[in-house]
């Protein structure tokens, strides 16, 4: 369906436009209104994400091409990872919001995440859990996936950066685990 038909369905432009200039003006106005609504939704979602007590912000990549479905499977595996019973069997992450976005200069996707990690969780356990989830259980460290994890700083607005993915066609996102305070 052409864009003008979609906009007519939304009652953004009149059924009859007398000339091309009037149609272009009506379309521009309708698109501005639509972008305003999308921006408001993103801002609200960013505020909601910002309201949670995330502890870490991360960027995850893989040495192989990651599709959107494979990014979802990978982040679900990572979100469900548990550490060994010798230090108390528990999930590596208490809460996780992730978003997958395409690379700028190559095919495939990478993921960003907001995580809530227990203070007693060894940092190495988080890195190892992602490597195992990505299929690098026995790989040497030079073949590991790139993982960049840093303390979450609400002032840097990572929650708002991730909120833009809720309106992108070529992106995916999800919340895994209980992300609320107990």
Protein backbone atom coordinates (compact mmCIF):
# COMPACT_ATOMS: atom_id res chain seq x y z
CA UNK A 1 0.00 0.00 0.00
CA UNK A 2 1.46 3.40 -0.92
CA UNK A 3 2.37 5.83 1.86
CA UNK A 4 -0.38 8.26 0.87
CA UNK A 5 -3.01 5.50 1.33
CA UNK A 6 -1.66 4.71 4.83
CA UNK A 7 -1.77 8.37 5.77
CA UNK A 8 -5.34 8.68 4.45
CA UNK A 9 -6.32 5.72 6.64
CA UNK A 10 -4.92 7.62 9.61
CA UNK A 11 -7.02 10.63 8.56
CA UNK A 12 -3.86 12.70 8.27
CA UNK A 13 -4.53 13.99 4.79
CA UNK A 14 -7.74 14.70 2.90
CA UNK A 15 -9.21 12.14 0.48
CA UNK A 16 -8.85 14.56 -2.41
CA UNK A 17 -5.82 16.77 -3.00
CA UNK A 18 -6.25 19.32 -5.73
CA UNK A 19 -2.57 19.49 -6.74
CA UNK A 20 0.81 17.90 -6.08
CA UNK A 21 2.02 20.80 -3.95
CA UNK A 22 -0.97 20.51 -1.60
CA UNK A 23 -0.47 16.73 -1.41
CA UNK A 24 3.26 17.14 -0.57
CA UNK A 25 2.44 19.70 2.13
CA UNK A 26 -0.22 17.42 3.60
CA UNK A 27 2.17 14.46 3.59
CA UNK A 28 4.96 16.49 5.25
CA UNK A 29 2.55 17.67 7.95
CA UNK A 30 1.28 14.13 8.53
CA UNK A 31 4.82 12.76 8.78
CA UNK A 32 5.79 15.47 11.28
CA UNK A 33 2.77 14.53 13.42
CA UNK A 34 3.69 10.85 13.15
CA UNK A 35 7.33 11.54 14.12
CA UNK A 36 6.12 13.59 17.09
CA UNK A 37 4.06 10.60 18.30
CA UNK A 38 6.98 8.18 17.76
CA UNK A 39 9.34 10.53 19.62
CA UNK A 40 6.89 10.82 22.53
CA UNK A 41 6.60 7.01 22.73
CA UNK A 42 10.39 6.64 22.67
CA UNK A 43 10.76 9.29 25.36
CA UNK A 44 8.17 7.58 27.57
CA UNK A 45 9.84 4.21 27.09
CA UNK A 46 13.23 5.76 27.86
CA UNK A 47 11.81 7.27 31.06
CA UNK A 48 10.42 3.87 32.02
CA UNK A 49 13.76 2.15 31.39
CA UNK A 50 15.56 4.92 33.27
CA UNK A 51 13.33 4.32 36.30
CA UNK A 52 14.88 0.90 36.96
CA UNK A 53 18.04 0.32 38.94
CA UNK A 54 20.35 -0.98 36.22
CA UNK A 55 23.92 -1.62 37.29
CA UNK A 56 25.68 -2.15 33.93
CA UNK A 57 25.55 -1.11 30.28
CA UNK A 58 27.02 -3.47 27.68
CA UNK A 59 27.74 -3.95 24.01
CA UNK A 60 28.01 -7.53 22.75
CA UNK A 61 29.28 -8.76 19.39
CA UNK A 62 29.98 -12.16 17.86
CA UNK A 63 32.66 -13.30 15.38
CA UNK A 64 29.87 -14.71 13.19
CA UNK A 65 27.06 -12.88 11.40
CA UNK A 66 24.20 -12.40 13.81
CA UNK A 67 20.66 -12.18 12.39
CA UNK A 68 17.73 -10.76 14.37
CA UNK A 69 16.37 -14.22 15.26
CA UNK A 70 19.83 -15.41 16.30
CA UNK A 71 20.35 -12.24 18.38
CA UNK A 72 17.11 -13.03 20.23
CA UNK A 73 18.17 -16.65 20.86
CA UNK A 74 21.62 -15.54 22.03
CA UNK A 75 20.31 -12.93 24.46
CA UNK A 76 17.70 -15.38 25.80
CA UNK A 77 20.47 -17.94 26.44
CA UNK A 78 22.61 -15.27 28.10
CA UNK A 79 19.70 -14.07 30.25
CA UNK A 80 19.10 -17.61 31.47
CA UNK A 81 22.76 -18.46 32.20
CA UNK A 82 23.50 -19.72 35.70
CA UNK A 83 26.88 -19.87 37.37
CA UNK A 84 28.35 -22.99 38.91
CA UNK A 85 26.93 -24.36 42.14
CA UNK A 86 30.27 -24.12 43.98
CA UNK A 87 29.65 -20.39 44.51
CA UNK A 88 25.90 -20.72 44.84
CA UNK A 89 23.80 -21.54 41.77
CA UNK A 90 22.13 -18.35 40.64
CA UNK A 91 21.50 -16.43 37.46
CA UNK A 92 24.33 -14.29 36.17
CA UNK A 93 22.02 -11.35 35.53
CA UNK A 94 19.06 -10.41 37.71
CA UNK A 95 17.52 -8.28 34.99
CA UNK A 96 18.28 -7.57 31.35
CA UNK A 97 16.89 -5.25 28.71
CA UNK A 98 18.57 -5.79 25.36
CA UNK A 99 18.25 -4.35 21.87
CA UNK A 100 19.80 -5.60 18.62
CA UNK A 101 20.82 -3.14 15.94
CA UNK A 102 22.50 -3.58 12.56
CA UNK A 103 26.17 -2.78 12.11
CA UNK A 104 26.91 0.37 10.11
CA UNK A 105 29.69 -1.08 7.96
CA UNK A 106 29.03 -4.81 7.71
CA UNK A 107 26.21 -7.33 7.59
CA UNK A 108 24.65 -8.60 10.75
CA UNK A 109 23.69 -7.25 14.13
CA UNK A 110 25.17 -6.56 17.52
CA UNK A 111 23.40 -6.06 20.83
CA UNK A 112 23.36 -3.48 23.58
CA UNK A 113 22.01 -4.23 27.03
CA UNK A 114 21.09 -2.70 30.33
CA UNK A 115 21.75 -5.23 33.08
CA UNK A 116 21.13 -5.59 36.76
CA UNK A 117 23.96 -7.67 38.19
CA UNK A 118 24.39 -8.62 41.83
CA UNK A 119 27.37 -6.89 43.46
CA UNK A 120 28.74 -10.26 44.57
CA UNK A 121 28.73 -11.61 41.01
CA UNK A 122 32.31 -11.96 39.75
CA UNK A 123 32.77 -9.80 36.65
CA UNK A 124 34.56 -12.70 34.95
CA UNK A 125 31.38 -14.79 35.38
CA UNK A 126 29.39 -12.27 33.30
CA UNK A 127 31.97 -12.34 30.47
CA UNK A 128 32.22 -16.14 30.57
CA UNK A 129 28.44 -16.54 30.57
CA UNK A 130 28.16 -14.48 27.38
CA UNK A 131 30.99 -16.40 25.72
CA UNK A 132 29.27 -19.71 26.53
CA UNK A 133 25.88 -18.41 25.35
CA UNK A 134 27.52 -17.31 22.08
CA UNK A 135 29.01 -20.79 21.53
CA UNK A 136 32.59 -20.04 22.58
CA UNK A 137 32.76 -22.49 25.48
CA UNK A 138 35.98 -24.11 24.26
CA UNK A 139 37.34 -21.33 22.07
CA UNK A 140 40.66 -19.72 22.88
CA UNK A 141 40.45 -16.16 24.18
CA UNK A 142 41.65 -14.71 20.86
CA UNK A 143 38.44 -16.07 19.26
CA UNK A 144 36.10 -14.78 21.95
CA UNK A 145 33.32 -12.36 21.19
CA UNK A 146 33.93 -8.70 21.98
CA UNK A 147 32.16 -7.76 25.18
CA UNK A 148 32.26 -4.23 26.52
CA UNK A 149 30.64 -3.85 29.94
CA UNK A 150 30.72 -0.74 32.07
CA UNK A 151 28.97 0.58 35.13
CA UNK A 152 25.62 2.11 34.28
CA UNK A 153 25.56 5.88 34.56
CA UNK A 154 22.00 7.29 34.31
CA UNK A 155 23.44 10.69 33.34
CA UNK A 156 24.76 9.24 30.07
CA UNK A 157 21.20 8.30 28.97
CA UNK A 158 21.83 4.75 27.75
CA UNK A 159 18.17 3.97 28.49
CA UNK A 160 17.12 6.64 25.99
CA UNK A 161 19.65 5.35 23.45
CA UNK A 162 18.05 1.90 23.68
CA UNK A 163 14.51 3.27 23.61
CA UNK A 164 14.90 4.29 19.97
CA UNK A 165 14.77 0.61 18.95
CA UNK A 166 11.09 0.25 19.81
CA UNK A 167 10.24 2.08 16.58
CA UNK A 168 12.89 0.63 14.26
CA UNK A 169 11.90 -1.93 11.67
CA UNK A 170 15.37 -3.50 11.50
CA UNK A 171 15.81 -3.95 15.24
CA UNK A 172 14.61 -6.21 18.02
CA UNK A 173 14.48 -5.83 21.79
CA UNK A 174 13.20 -7.61 24.89
CA UNK A 175 13.24 -7.68 28.67
CA UNK A 176 14.46 -10.84 30.32
CA UNK A 177 14.05 -11.79 33.96
CA UNK A 178 12.59 -9.89 36.84
CA UNK A 179 13.94 -6.37 36.37
CA UNK A 180 12.05 -4.88 39.33
CA UNK A 181 13.30 -4.48 42.85
CA UNK A 182 12.36 -7.29 45.23
